[in-house]
Amino acid sequence: MNYSEVKKELKKEFENFLKPLGYKSKIDPQGCDFGKKTSNSLNRIGYGVANYIDEFNTGSYLKIEIKAIQKIEKKIFEGEYYETLSTGISDYFNELNYRYKIKTQEDIKEWGKIVRKFYEEYAVQFFEKYNSVDAIDKLLNENPTEKVIYLDNLGWRIITGLISAKLNQNPKYDELRAYYKSEVESKFQGYFMYEKCMKTINFLDNHSQEELLKIAETAA
């Protein structure tokens, strides 16, 4: 099998069970992304595939984009945003850098079974559990000093944490703001995320929750 054949067959495997569930596919150079819109979010599942000498390696990821949070990010950063949360099949198997090896058509069929199980046992719960601003606020801000595996980029953790807290009228917002700002000052000086985080803090300082909700309700 060559690279294009493997990508084509992988896409078929994913489409066979995701299309009937309402997912739409979007091909990229390394693989394919499948998205499904809900009232609050865009849920995404996809894969990349790499070609090695006599085999192909693949994996699968999950991403949640909470619409309200991302509309505010786009407003702050002139169209730029970051997925709200992400995870993947490595977390499902609890195996760092998990890769599935493909050499034959049978391997692809077997991978299809694994991905279906991954979706049913892990993805569905992930998408349902974190499908609101309230859920994101709780996840990121109940214990702000603890790492969150679904958002391990500290800069975007701070940005998403503050936006979700203000949108959700978190009573500890001022406390969270002070903690996150101290993290920015101590860890991001001279780094490009310093400007992004401070821009977010300043934007939130100058907008009420009502104003944020209006931004979140506007058309994308």
N, C-alpha and C. Protein backbone atom coordinates (compact mmCIF):
# COMPACT_ATOMS: atom_id res chain seq x y z
N MET A 1 0.85 -1.20 0.00
CA MET A 1 0.00 0.00 0.00
C MET A 1 0.88 1.24 0.00
N ASN A 2 0.48 2.24 -0.79
CA ASN A 2 1.22 3.50 -0.76
C ASN A 2 0.51 4.51 0.16
N TYR A 3 1.14 5.68 0.31
CA TYR A 3 0.65 6.67 1.27
C TYR A 3 -0.78 7.13 0.95
N SER A 4 -1.04 7.42 -0.30
CA SER A 4 -2.38 7.91 -0.67
C SER A 4 -3.43 6.83 -0.47
N GLU A 5 -3.10 5.58 -0.73
CA GLU A 5 -4.05 4.47 -0.51
C GLU A 5 -4.38 4.32 0.97
N VAL A 6 -3.36 4.40 1.80
CA VAL A 6 -3.57 4.27 3.25
C VAL A 6 -4.47 5.40 3.75
N LYS A 7 -4.19 6.62 3.32
CA LYS A 7 -5.02 7.76 3.75
C LYS A 7 -6.47 7.60 3.28
N LYS A 8 -6.63 7.13 2.07
CA LYS A 8 -7.97 6.93 1.51
C LYS A 8 -8.74 5.87 2.30
N GLU A 9 -8.07 4.76 2.61
CA GLU A 9 -8.73 3.67 3.34
C GLU A 9 -9.02 4.05 4.80
N LEU A 10 -8.11 4.81 5.39
CA LEU A 10 -8.35 5.28 6.76
C LEU A 10 -9.57 6.20 6.80
N LYS A 11 -9.66 7.09 5.82
CA LYS A 11 -10.81 8.01 5.76
C LYS A 11 -12.11 7.22 5.66
N LYS A 12 -12.11 6.17 4.85
CA LYS A 12 -13.31 5.33 4.73
C LYS A 12 -13.70 4.72 6.06
N GLU A 13 -12.70 4.20 6.80
CA GLU A 13 -12.97 3.57 8.09
C GLU A 13 -13.62 4.56 9.06
N PHE A 14 -13.09 5.77 9.10
CA PHE A 14 -13.65 6.79 9.99
C PHE A 14 -15.04 7.21 9.52
N GLU A 15 -15.18 7.41 8.21
CA GLU A 15 -16.47 7.85 7.68
C GLU A 15 -17.58 6.84 7.93
N ASN A 16 -17.24 5.56 7.88
CA ASN A 16 -18.24 4.51 8.03
C ASN A 16 -19.03 4.63 9.33
N PHE A 17 -18.37 5.06 10.40
CA PHE A 17 -19.13 5.18 11.65
C PHE A 17 -19.38 6.61 12.09
N LEU A 18 -18.61 7.58 11.57
CA LEU A 18 -18.80 8.96 12.00
C LEU A 18 -19.84 9.72 11.18
N LYS A 19 -19.91 9.45 9.88
CA LYS A 19 -20.90 10.17 9.05
C LYS A 19 -22.33 9.94 9.53
N PRO A 20 -22.72 8.68 9.83
CA PRO A 20 -24.09 8.46 10.32
C PRO A 20 -24.37 9.17 11.66
N LEU A 21 -23.30 9.54 12.39
CA LEU A 21 -23.46 10.24 13.66
C LEU A 21 -23.50 11.76 13.48
N GLY A 22 -23.37 12.21 12.22
CA GLY A 22 -23.48 13.64 11.93
C GLY A 22 -22.17 14.38 11.78
N TYR A 23 -21.06 13.67 11.70
CA TYR A 23 -19.76 14.33 11.54
C TYR A 23 -19.49 14.63 10.07
N LYS A 24 -18.83 15.77 9.84
CA LYS A 24 -18.43 16.15 8.48
C LYS A 24 -16.91 16.13 8.39
N SER A 25 -16.40 15.63 7.27
CA SER A 25 -14.96 15.45 7.14
C SER A 25 -14.28 16.65 6.49
N LYS A 26 -13.03 16.85 6.90
CA LYS A 26 -12.19 17.89 6.31
C LYS A 26 -10.78 17.32 6.18
N ILE A 27 -10.33 17.16 4.95
CA ILE A 27 -9.02 16.55 4.71
C ILE A 27 -7.91 17.58 4.94
N ASP A 28 -6.81 17.14 5.55
CA ASP A 28 -5.63 17.98 5.64
C ASP A 28 -4.44 17.19 5.10
N PRO A 29 -3.28 17.81 4.93
CA PRO A 29 -2.15 17.11 4.28
C PRO A 29 -1.71 15.84 5.00
N GLN A 30 -1.87 15.78 6.33
CA GLN A 30 -1.40 14.62 7.08
C GLN A 30 -2.49 13.59 7.40
N GLY A 31 -3.74 13.95 7.21
CA GLY A 31 -4.80 13.02 7.59
C GLY A 31 -6.17 13.59 7.32
N CYS A 32 -7.06 13.47 8.31
CA CYS A 32 -8.43 13.95 8.13
C CYS A 32 -9.04 14.31 9.47
N ASP A 33 -9.87 15.34 9.49
CA ASP A 33 -10.53 15.83 10.70
C ASP A 33 -12.04 15.74 10.49
N PHE A 34 -12.75 15.25 11.50
CA PHE A 34 -14.20 15.12 11.43
C PHE A 34 -14.82 15.98 12.52
N GLY A 35 -15.72 16.88 12.15
CA GLY A 35 -16.33 17.79 13.12
C GLY A 35 -17.83 17.65 13.19
N LYS A 36 -18.35 17.87 14.39
CA LYS A 36 -19.81 17.84 14.61
C LYS A 36 -20.18 19.01 15.52
N LYS A 37 -21.09 19.85 15.06
CA LYS A 37 -21.51 21.02 15.83
C LYS A 37 -22.62 20.64 16.80
N THR A 38 -22.51 21.20 18.03
CA THR A 38 -23.61 21.13 18.99
C THR A 38 -24.03 22.57 19.27
N SER A 39 -24.99 22.77 20.15
CA SER A 39 -25.42 24.14 20.45
C SER A 39 -24.30 24.96 21.09
N ASN A 40 -23.41 24.29 21.83
CA ASN A 40 -22.35 25.00 22.54
C ASN A 40 -20.96 24.85 21.95
N SER A 41 -20.77 23.82 21.12
CA SER A 41 -19.39 23.47 20.77
C SER A 41 -19.25 22.90 19.37
N LEU A 42 -17.99 22.77 18.98
CA LEU A 42 -17.63 21.96 17.81
C LEU A 42 -16.78 20.82 18.36
N ASN A 43 -17.26 19.58 18.20
CA ASN A 43 -16.54 18.40 18.64
C ASN A 43 -15.79 17.81 17.46
N ARG A 44 -14.51 17.52 17.67
CA ARG A 44 -13.69 17.04 16.55
C ARG A 44 -12.95 15.75 16.91
N ILE A 45 -12.89 14.85 15.94
CA ILE A 45 -12.09 13.65 16.05
C ILE A 45 -11.36 13.48 14.73
N GLY A 46 -10.12 13.05 14.79
CA GLY A 46 -9.38 12.90 13.54
C GLY A 46 -8.12 12.11 13.72
N TYR A 47 -7.32 12.08 12.69
CA TYR A 47 -6.09 11.30 12.71
C TYR A 47 -5.06 11.94 11.79
N GLY A 48 -3.81 11.58 12.04
CA GLY A 48 -2.72 11.87 11.13
C GLY A 48 -2.06 10.56 10.78
N VAL A 49 -1.36 10.53 9.66
CA VAL A 49 -0.66 9.30 9.28
C VAL A 49 0.73 9.66 8.77
N ALA A 50 1.73 8.91 9.27
CA ALA A 50 3.12 9.13 8.86
C ALA A 50 3.64 7.90 8.14
N ASN A 51 4.44 8.14 7.14
CA ASN A 51 4.98 7.06 6.31
C ASN A 51 6.42 6.75 6.71
N TYR A 52 6.66 5.52 7.17
CA TYR A 52 8.01 5.05 7.45
C TYR A 52 8.37 4.00 6.40
N ILE A 53 9.60 3.53 6.41
CA ILE A 53 10.15 2.72 5.30
C ILE A 53 9.19 1.63 4.83
N ASP A 54 8.75 0.77 5.73
CA ASP A 54 7.89 -0.34 5.28
C ASP A 54 6.56 -0.38 6.02
N GLU A 55 6.20 0.73 6.65
CA GLU A 55 4.93 0.76 7.39
C GLU A 55 4.45 2.20 7.52
N PHE A 56 3.21 2.33 7.99
CA PHE A 56 2.59 3.63 8.25
C PHE A 56 2.17 3.67 9.71
N ASN A 57 2.36 4.81 10.35
CA ASN A 57 1.95 4.98 11.75
C ASN A 57 0.80 5.97 11.82
N THR A 58 -0.17 5.65 12.67
CA THR A 58 -1.31 6.55 12.83
C THR A 58 -1.73 6.60 14.29
N GLY A 59 -2.57 7.56 14.60
CA GLY A 59 -3.14 7.71 15.93
C GLY A 59 -4.46 8.44 15.77
N SER A 60 -5.06 8.87 16.88
CA SER A 60 -6.32 9.60 16.78
C SER A 60 -6.41 10.62 17.91
N TYR A 61 -6.97 11.78 17.59
CA TYR A 61 -7.10 12.85 18.58
C TYR A 61 -8.56 13.26 18.73
N LEU A 62 -8.85 13.94 19.84
CA LEU A 62 -10.16 14.54 20.10
C LEU A 62 -9.93 16.01 20.45
N LYS A 63 -10.81 16.88 19.96
CA LYS A 63 -10.72 18.30 20.32
C LYS A 63 -12.12 18.84 20.55
N ILE A 64 -12.24 19.71 21.55
CA ILE A 64 -13.49 20.42 21.81
C ILE A 64 -13.22 21.91 21.63
N GLU A 65 -14.08 22.57 20.88
CA GLU A 65 -14.02 24.02 20.72
C GLU A 65 -15.32 24.60 21.27
N ILE A 66 -15.26 25.24 22.43
CA ILE A 66 -16.46 25.87 23.01
C ILE A 66 -16.68 27.21 22.32
N LYS A 67 -17.82 27.35 21.67
CA LYS A 67 -18.08 28.51 20.80
C LYS A 67 -17.93 29.85 21.53
N ALA A 68 -18.53 29.95 22.72
CA ALA A 68 -18.51 31.23 23.43
C ALA A 68 -17.09 31.66 23.76
N ILE A 69 -16.27 30.72 24.22
CA ILE A 69 -14.89 31.02 24.58
C ILE A 69 -14.10 31.43 23.34
N GLN A 70 -14.31 30.72 22.27
CA GLN A 70 -13.52 30.99 21.07
C GLN A 70 -13.92 32.28 20.37
N LYS A 71 -15.18 32.65 20.47
CA LYS A 71 -15.58 33.94 19.88
C LYS A 71 -14.89 35.10 20.60
N ILE A 72 -14.72 34.94 21.91
CA ILE A 72 -14.03 35.99 22.67
C ILE A 72 -12.54 35.98 22.34
N GLU A 73 -11.95 34.78 22.22
CA GLU A 73 -10.55 34.70 21.80
C GLU A 73 -10.35 35.37 20.44
N LYS A 74 -11.27 35.10 19.52
CA LYS A 74 -11.16 35.70 18.18
C LYS A 74 -11.26 37.23 18.26
N LYS A 75 -12.11 37.72 19.15
CA LYS A 75 -12.25 39.17 19.32
C LYS A 75 -10.96 39.77 19.87
N ILE A 76 -10.35 39.09 20.82
CA ILE A 76 -9.11 39.60 21.44
C ILE A 76 -7.94 39.54 20.46
N PHE A 77 -7.85 38.41 19.74
CA PHE A 77 -6.66 38.14 18.92
C PHE A 77 -6.89 38.27 17.42
N GLU A 78 -7.92 39.04 17.05
CA GLU A 78 -8.18 39.32 15.63
C GLU A 78 -8.30 38.06 14.79
N GLY A 79 -9.13 37.15 15.26
CA GLY A 79 -9.42 35.95 14.48
C GLY A 79 -8.69 34.70 14.94
N GLU A 80 -7.64 34.87 15.73
CA GLU A 80 -6.88 33.69 16.19
C GLU A 80 -7.59 33.05 17.39
N TYR A 81 -7.52 31.74 17.47
CA TYR A 81 -8.05 31.04 18.64
C TYR A 81 -7.34 29.70 18.80
N TYR A 82 -7.62 29.03 19.91
CA TYR A 82 -6.97 27.75 20.23
C TYR A 82 -8.06 26.81 20.66
N GLU A 83 -7.95 25.52 20.29
CA GLU A 83 -9.00 24.59 20.73
C GLU A 83 -9.11 24.61 22.25
N THR A 84 -10.32 24.49 22.77
CA THR A 84 -10.53 24.62 24.21
C THR A 84 -9.87 23.48 24.97
N LEU A 85 -10.11 22.26 24.52
CA LEU A 85 -9.49 21.08 25.14
C LEU A 85 -9.09 20.10 24.06
N SER A 86 -8.10 19.28 24.35
CA SER A 86 -7.74 18.21 23.41
C SER A 86 -7.20 17.01 24.18
N THR A 87 -7.39 15.85 23.60
CA THR A 87 -6.86 14.62 24.16
C THR A 87 -6.71 13.64 22.99
N GLY A 88 -6.45 12.39 23.29
CA GLY A 88 -6.28 11.45 22.19
C GLY A 88 -6.19 10.02 22.64
N ILE A 89 -5.92 9.17 21.71
CA ILE A 89 -5.93 7.74 21.97
C ILE A 89 -4.78 7.31 22.88
N SER A 90 -3.72 8.14 22.95
CA SER A 90 -2.63 7.86 23.89
C SER A 90 -3.14 7.91 25.34
N ASP A 91 -4.02 8.88 25.63
CA ASP A 91 -4.60 8.97 26.97
C ASP A 91 -5.55 7.81 27.24
N TYR A 92 -6.28 7.40 26.23
CA TYR A 92 -7.20 6.27 26.35
C TYR A 92 -6.44 5.00 26.73
N PHE A 93 -5.32 4.77 26.06
CA PHE A 93 -4.51 3.59 26.35
C PHE A 93 -3.50 3.82 27.48
N ASN A 94 -3.43 5.09 27.95
CA ASN A 94 -2.45 5.45 28.97
C ASN A 94 -1.04 5.06 28.54
N GLU A 95 -0.77 5.36 27.28
CA GLU A 95 0.54 5.02 26.69
C GLU A 95 1.06 6.24 25.93
N LEU A 96 2.12 6.83 26.46
CA LEU A 96 2.67 8.04 25.87
C LEU A 96 3.09 7.79 24.41
N ASN A 97 2.71 8.72 23.53
CA ASN A 97 3.07 8.62 22.10
C ASN A 97 2.62 7.32 21.45
N TYR A 98 1.42 6.86 21.83
CA TYR A 98 0.87 5.65 21.21
C TYR A 98 0.77 5.82 19.70
N ARG A 99 1.20 4.81 18.96
CA ARG A 99 1.06 4.80 17.51
C ARG A 99 0.60 3.41 17.06
N TYR A 100 -0.31 3.39 16.13
CA TYR A 100 -0.77 2.13 15.55
C TYR A 100 -0.05 1.93 14.22
N LYS A 101 0.50 0.75 14.03
CA LYS A 101 1.28 0.46 12.82
C LYS A 101 0.43 -0.21 11.75
N ILE A 102 0.54 0.28 10.52
CA ILE A 102 -0.23 -0.24 9.38
C ILE A 102 0.72 -0.75 8.30
N LYS A 103 0.47 -1.98 7.89
CA LYS A 103 1.21 -2.53 6.74
C LYS A 103 0.25 -3.07 5.68
N THR A 104 -0.92 -3.53 6.12
CA THR A 104 -1.86 -4.19 5.20
C THR A 104 -3.27 -3.63 5.35
N GLN A 105 -4.13 -4.02 4.42
CA GLN A 105 -5.55 -3.65 4.48
C GLN A 105 -6.20 -4.19 5.77
N GLU A 106 -5.76 -5.37 6.18
CA GLU A 106 -6.30 -5.97 7.42
C GLU A 106 -5.97 -5.11 8.64
N ASP A 107 -4.78 -4.53 8.62
CA ASP A 107 -4.39 -3.64 9.73
C ASP A 107 -5.35 -2.46 9.80
N ILE A 108 -5.76 -1.94 8.66
CA ILE A 108 -6.68 -0.80 8.62
C ILE A 108 -8.04 -1.20 9.18
N LYS A 109 -8.51 -2.39 8.81
CA LYS A 109 -9.80 -2.88 9.33
C LYS A 109 -9.74 -3.03 10.86
N GLU A 110 -8.62 -3.55 11.34
CA GLU A 110 -8.45 -3.73 12.78
C GLU A 110 -8.39 -2.38 13.49
N TRP A 111 -7.74 -1.42 12.84
CA TRP A 111 -7.67 -0.06 13.40
C TRP A 111 -9.07 0.55 13.49
N GLY A 112 -9.89 0.27 12.49
CA GLY A 112 -11.27 0.76 12.51
C GLY A 112 -12.01 0.28 13.75
N LYS A 113 -11.80 -0.97 14.13
CA LYS A 113 -12.44 -1.53 15.34
C LYS A 113 -11.94 -0.83 16.60
N ILE A 114 -10.63 -0.59 16.64
CA ILE A 114 -10.03 0.08 17.80
C ILE A 114 -10.58 1.49 17.95
N VAL A 115 -10.67 2.21 16.83
CA VAL A 115 -11.15 3.60 16.87
C VAL A 115 -12.62 3.67 17.28
N ARG A 116 -13.43 2.75 16.81
CA ARG A 116 -14.83 2.71 17.22
C ARG A 116 -14.94 2.52 18.73
N LYS A 117 -14.14 1.61 19.27
CA LYS A 117 -14.15 1.35 20.71
C LYS A 117 -13.67 2.59 21.47
N PHE A 118 -12.62 3.22 20.96
CA PHE A 118 -12.11 4.48 21.53
C PHE A 118 -13.19 5.55 21.55
N TYR A 119 -13.93 5.65 20.46
CA TYR A 119 -15.00 6.65 20.38
C TYR A 119 -16.09 6.35 21.40
N GLU A 120 -16.56 5.12 21.41
CA GLU A 120 -17.68 4.75 22.29
C GLU A 120 -17.32 4.81 23.77
N GLU A 121 -16.11 4.38 24.10
CA GLU A 121 -15.73 4.26 25.51
C GLU A 121 -15.07 5.53 26.08
N TYR A 122 -14.56 6.38 25.22
CA TYR A 122 -13.79 7.53 25.70
C TYR A 122 -14.28 8.85 25.12
N ALA A 123 -14.42 8.92 23.80
CA ALA A 123 -14.75 10.18 23.14
C ALA A 123 -16.13 10.70 23.53
N VAL A 124 -17.12 9.82 23.52
CA VAL A 124 -18.50 10.26 23.82
C VAL A 124 -18.56 10.91 25.20
N GLN A 125 -17.95 10.26 26.18
CA GLN A 125 -17.95 10.80 27.55
C GLN A 125 -17.20 12.12 27.62
N PHE A 126 -16.07 12.19 26.93
CA PHE A 126 -15.26 13.42 26.90
C PHE A 126 -16.07 14.58 26.31
N PHE A 127 -16.72 14.35 25.17
CA PHE A 127 -17.51 15.40 24.53
C PHE A 127 -18.70 15.83 25.39
N GLU A 128 -19.34 14.87 26.05
CA GLU A 128 -20.52 15.18 26.87
C GLU A 128 -20.13 15.91 28.15
N LYS A 129 -19.02 15.50 28.75
CA LYS A 129 -18.63 16.05 30.05
C LYS A 129 -18.18 17.50 29.97
N TYR A 130 -17.51 17.87 28.88
CA TYR A 130 -16.91 19.21 28.78
C TYR A 130 -17.57 20.06 27.70
N ASN A 131 -18.89 19.99 27.63
CA ASN A 131 -19.62 20.64 26.55
C ASN A 131 -20.25 21.98 26.95
N SER A 132 -19.65 22.68 27.94
CA SER A 132 -20.23 23.97 28.35
C SER A 132 -19.15 24.85 28.98
N VAL A 133 -19.42 26.14 29.02
CA VAL A 133 -18.50 27.08 29.67
C VAL A 133 -18.36 26.72 31.14
N ASP A 134 -19.46 26.35 31.78
CA ASP A 134 -19.43 25.99 33.20
C ASP A 134 -18.47 24.82 33.45
N ALA A 135 -18.54 23.80 32.59
CA ALA A 135 -17.67 22.62 32.75
C ALA A 135 -16.20 23.00 32.57
N ILE A 136 -15.92 23.90 31.62
CA ILE A 136 -14.54 24.33 31.38
C ILE A 136 -14.04 25.16 32.57
N ASP A 137 -14.88 26.05 33.06
CA ASP A 137 -14.53 26.87 34.23
C ASP A 137 -14.16 25.97 35.42
N LYS A 138 -15.00 24.99 35.69
CA LYS A 138 -14.73 24.08 36.82
C LYS A 138 -13.43 23.30 36.60
N LEU A 139 -13.25 22.76 35.41
CA LEU A 139 -12.07 21.96 35.11
C LEU A 139 -10.78 22.75 35.31
N LEU A 140 -10.75 23.98 34.79
CA LEU A 140 -9.52 24.76 34.80
C LEU A 140 -9.30 25.55 36.08
N ASN A 141 -10.40 25.95 36.73
CA ASN A 141 -10.27 26.94 37.79
C ASN A 141 -10.54 26.46 39.21
N GLU A 142 -11.07 25.26 39.38
CA GLU A 142 -11.28 24.78 40.74
C GLU A 142 -9.95 24.56 41.45
N ASN A 143 -8.96 24.07 40.69
CA ASN A 143 -7.61 23.88 41.23
C ASN A 143 -6.61 24.46 40.23
N PRO A 144 -6.48 25.79 40.18
CA PRO A 144 -5.69 26.42 39.12
C PRO A 144 -4.20 26.08 39.15
N THR A 145 -3.71 25.61 40.29
CA THR A 145 -2.28 25.27 40.37
C THR A 145 -1.99 23.86 39.83
N GLU A 146 -3.05 23.07 39.62
CA GLU A 146 -2.85 21.70 39.14
C GLU A 146 -2.90 21.64 37.62
N LYS A 147 -2.06 20.77 37.05
CA LYS A 147 -2.05 20.59 35.60
C LYS A 147 -3.35 19.93 35.15
N VAL A 148 -3.77 20.28 33.95
CA VAL A 148 -4.93 19.65 33.30
C VAL A 148 -4.43 19.01 32.02
N ILE A 149 -4.56 17.68 31.93
CA ILE A 149 -3.98 16.99 30.77
C ILE A 149 -4.63 17.41 29.46
N TYR A 150 -5.87 17.89 29.52
CA TYR A 150 -6.58 18.27 28.30
C TYR A 150 -6.20 19.65 27.79
N LEU A 151 -5.43 20.40 28.59
CA LEU A 151 -4.96 21.72 28.15
C LEU A 151 -3.61 21.97 28.85
N ASP A 152 -2.56 21.41 28.28
CA ASP A 152 -1.26 21.46 28.95
C ASP A 152 -0.38 22.63 28.52
N ASN A 153 -0.90 23.48 27.64
CA ASN A 153 -0.20 24.71 27.27
C ASN A 153 -0.56 25.78 28.30
N LEU A 154 0.39 26.17 29.14
CA LEU A 154 0.10 27.07 30.26
C LEU A 154 -0.49 28.40 29.81
N GLY A 155 0.06 28.98 28.74
CA GLY A 155 -0.45 30.26 28.27
C GLY A 155 -1.92 30.20 27.90
N TRP A 156 -2.28 29.20 27.12
CA TRP A 156 -3.68 29.08 26.72
C TRP A 156 -4.56 28.58 27.87
N ARG A 157 -3.97 27.87 28.81
CA ARG A 157 -4.71 27.49 30.03
C ARG A 157 -5.13 28.75 30.79
N ILE A 158 -4.20 29.70 30.91
CA ILE A 158 -4.50 30.96 31.60
C ILE A 158 -5.57 31.75 30.84
N ILE A 159 -5.40 31.86 29.53
CA ILE A 159 -6.36 32.60 28.71
C ILE A 159 -7.75 31.97 28.78
N THR A 160 -7.82 30.66 28.58
CA THR A 160 -9.11 29.97 28.59
C THR A 160 -9.71 29.96 29.99
N GLY A 161 -8.86 29.80 30.99
CA GLY A 161 -9.35 29.81 32.37
C GLY A 161 -9.99 31.13 32.74
N LEU A 162 -9.35 32.23 32.38
CA LEU A 162 -9.89 33.55 32.73
C LEU A 162 -11.16 33.86 31.95
N ILE A 163 -11.16 33.55 30.65
CA ILE A 163 -12.37 33.82 29.85
C ILE A 163 -13.55 33.01 30.38
N SER A 164 -13.33 31.72 30.64
CA SER A 164 -14.44 30.88 31.12
C SER A 164 -14.91 31.33 32.50
N ALA A 165 -13.98 31.77 33.36
CA ALA A 165 -14.37 32.22 34.70
C ALA A 165 -15.24 33.48 34.63
N LYS A 166 -14.86 34.42 33.77
CA LYS A 166 -15.64 35.66 33.68
C LYS A 166 -16.98 35.41 33.01
N LEU A 167 -16.99 34.61 31.97
CA LEU A 167 -18.26 34.26 31.31
C LEU A 167 -19.21 33.58 32.29
N ASN A 168 -18.65 32.76 33.17
CA ASN A 168 -19.45 31.94 34.08
C ASN A 168 -19.73 32.64 35.41
N GLN A 169 -19.32 33.90 35.52
CA GLN A 169 -19.47 34.68 36.75
C GLN A 169 -18.91 33.93 37.95
N ASN A 170 -17.73 33.37 37.78
CA ASN A 170 -17.07 32.67 38.88
C ASN A 170 -16.82 33.66 40.02
N PRO A 171 -17.32 33.37 41.24
CA PRO A 171 -17.15 34.32 42.35
C PRO A 171 -15.70 34.53 42.76
N LYS A 172 -14.83 33.63 42.34
CA LYS A 172 -13.40 33.76 42.67
C LYS A 172 -12.61 34.40 41.53
N TYR A 173 -13.30 35.10 40.62
CA TYR A 173 -12.62 35.64 39.45
C TYR A 173 -11.43 36.53 39.83
N ASP A 174 -11.61 37.45 40.76
CA ASP A 174 -10.53 38.37 41.11
C ASP A 174 -9.30 37.62 41.66
N GLU A 175 -9.59 36.59 42.45
CA GLU A 175 -8.52 35.75 43.00
C GLU A 175 -7.79 35.00 41.88
N LEU A 176 -8.57 34.47 40.94
CA LEU A 176 -8.00 33.75 39.80
C LEU A 176 -7.16 34.69 38.94
N ARG A 177 -7.71 35.89 38.71
CA ARG A 177 -6.98 36.88 37.90
C ARG A 177 -5.62 37.18 38.52
N ALA A 178 -5.60 37.37 39.84
CA ALA A 178 -4.35 37.69 40.52
C ALA A 178 -3.35 36.53 40.42
N TYR A 179 -3.85 35.31 40.59
CA TYR A 179 -2.96 34.15 40.51
C TYR A 179 -2.41 33.98 39.09
N TYR A 180 -3.31 34.01 38.10
CA TYR A 180 -2.86 33.81 36.72
C TYR A 180 -1.92 34.94 36.27
N LYS A 181 -2.19 36.16 36.71
CA LYS A 181 -1.31 37.27 36.33
C LYS A 181 0.08 37.06 36.92
N SER A 182 0.15 36.55 38.14
CA SER A 182 1.46 36.30 38.76
C SER A 182 2.22 35.21 37.99
N GLU A 183 1.48 34.23 37.46
CA GLU A 183 2.09 33.18 36.64
C GLU A 183 2.65 33.77 35.35
N VAL A 184 1.89 34.68 34.75
CA VAL A 184 2.34 35.34 33.51
C VAL A 184 3.61 36.13 33.78
N GLU A 185 3.60 36.91 34.86
CA GLU A 185 4.75 37.76 35.18
C GLU A 185 6.00 36.93 35.49
N SER A 186 5.82 35.79 36.16
CA SER A 186 6.99 35.01 36.57
C SER A 186 7.50 34.05 35.50
N LYS A 187 6.61 33.64 34.57
CA LYS A 187 7.01 32.59 33.63
C LYS A 187 7.09 33.02 32.17
N PHE A 188 6.46 34.12 31.82
CA PHE A 188 6.39 34.48 30.40
C PHE A 188 7.11 35.75 30.02
N GLN A 189 7.87 36.35 30.92
CA GLN A 189 8.62 37.57 30.57
C GLN A 189 9.55 37.28 29.39
N GLY A 190 9.45 38.10 28.34
CA GLY A 190 10.29 37.92 27.17
C GLY A 190 9.83 36.85 26.21
N TYR A 191 8.66 36.27 26.50
CA TYR A 191 8.11 35.18 25.67
C TYR A 191 6.83 35.70 25.02
N PHE A 192 6.54 35.25 23.81
CA PHE A 192 5.41 35.84 23.07
C PHE A 192 4.07 35.64 23.77
N MET A 193 3.96 34.61 24.63
CA MET A 193 2.70 34.38 25.33
C MET A 193 2.44 35.45 26.39
N TYR A 194 3.48 36.16 26.80
CA TYR A 194 3.29 37.24 27.78
C TYR A 194 2.30 38.27 27.23
N GLU A 195 2.53 38.69 25.99
CA GLU A 195 1.66 39.70 25.39
C GLU A 195 0.24 39.18 25.23
N LYS A 196 0.11 37.92 24.81
CA LYS A 196 -1.23 37.34 24.62
C LYS A 196 -2.00 37.28 25.94
N CYS A 197 -1.34 36.82 26.98
CA CYS A 197 -2.00 36.70 28.28
C CYS A 197 -2.38 38.07 28.84
N MET A 198 -1.46 39.04 28.73
CA MET A 198 -1.76 40.38 29.24
C MET A 198 -2.86 41.06 28.42
N LYS A 199 -2.87 40.79 27.14
CA LYS A 199 -3.93 41.33 26.28
C LYS A 199 -5.29 40.78 26.73
N THR A 200 -5.32 39.50 27.08
CA THR A 200 -6.56 38.87 27.57
C THR A 200 -6.99 39.50 28.89
N ILE A 201 -6.05 39.63 29.82
CA ILE A 201 -6.37 40.21 31.13
C ILE A 201 -6.91 41.64 30.96
N ASN A 202 -6.26 42.43 30.14
CA ASN A 202 -6.71 43.81 29.92
C ASN A 202 -8.08 43.87 29.25
N PHE A 203 -8.31 42.98 28.29
CA PHE A 203 -9.60 42.93 27.62
C PHE A 203 -10.71 42.60 28.62
N LEU A 204 -10.46 41.60 29.45
CA LEU A 204 -11.47 41.20 30.44
C LEU A 204 -11.68 42.27 31.50
N ASP A 205 -10.62 43.00 31.83
CA ASP A 205 -10.76 44.12 32.77
C ASP A 205 -11.70 45.19 32.24
N ASN A 206 -11.73 45.32 30.92
CA ASN A 206 -12.50 46.40 30.29
C ASN A 206 -13.85 45.97 29.72
N HIS A 207 -14.24 44.73 29.98
CA HIS A 207 -15.53 44.23 29.50
C HIS A 207 -16.26 43.50 30.62
N SER A 208 -17.52 43.84 30.78
CA SER A 208 -18.35 43.17 31.78
C SER A 208 -18.77 41.79 31.27
N GLN A 209 -19.33 41.01 32.18
CA GLN A 209 -19.83 39.69 31.76
C GLN A 209 -20.93 39.85 30.70
N GLU A 210 -21.78 40.86 30.87
CA GLU A 210 -22.86 41.09 29.89
C GLU A 210 -22.29 41.39 28.51
N GLU A 211 -21.24 42.18 28.47
CA GLU A 211 -20.60 42.49 27.18
C GLU A 211 -19.95 41.25 26.57
N LEU A 212 -19.36 40.41 27.41
CA LEU A 212 -18.77 39.16 26.90
C LEU A 212 -19.85 38.24 26.33
N LEU A 213 -20.97 38.17 27.01
CA LEU A 213 -22.07 37.32 26.55
C LEU A 213 -22.59 37.80 25.20
N LYS A 214 -22.62 39.11 25.00
CA LYS A 214 -23.06 39.65 23.71
C LYS A 214 -22.09 39.25 22.60
N ILE A 215 -20.79 39.32 22.89
CA ILE A 215 -19.78 38.91 21.91
C ILE A 215 -19.96 37.42 21.60
N ALA A 216 -20.18 36.64 22.66
CA ALA A 216 -20.33 35.18 22.49
C ALA A 216 -21.56 34.81 21.68
N GLU A 217 -22.57 35.67 21.71
CA GLU A 217 -23.81 35.36 20.99
C GLU A 217 -23.80 35.82 19.55
N THR A 218 -22.79 36.61 19.17
CA THR A 218 -22.76 37.09 17.78
C THR A 218 -22.45 35.96 16.82
N ALA A 219 -22.82 36.16 15.57
CA ALA A 219 -22.53 35.14 14.55
C ALA A 219 -21.02 34.99 14.40
N ALA A 220 -20.60 33.76 14.06
CA ALA A 220 -19.18 33.49 13.91
C ALA A 220 -18.62 34.27 12.73
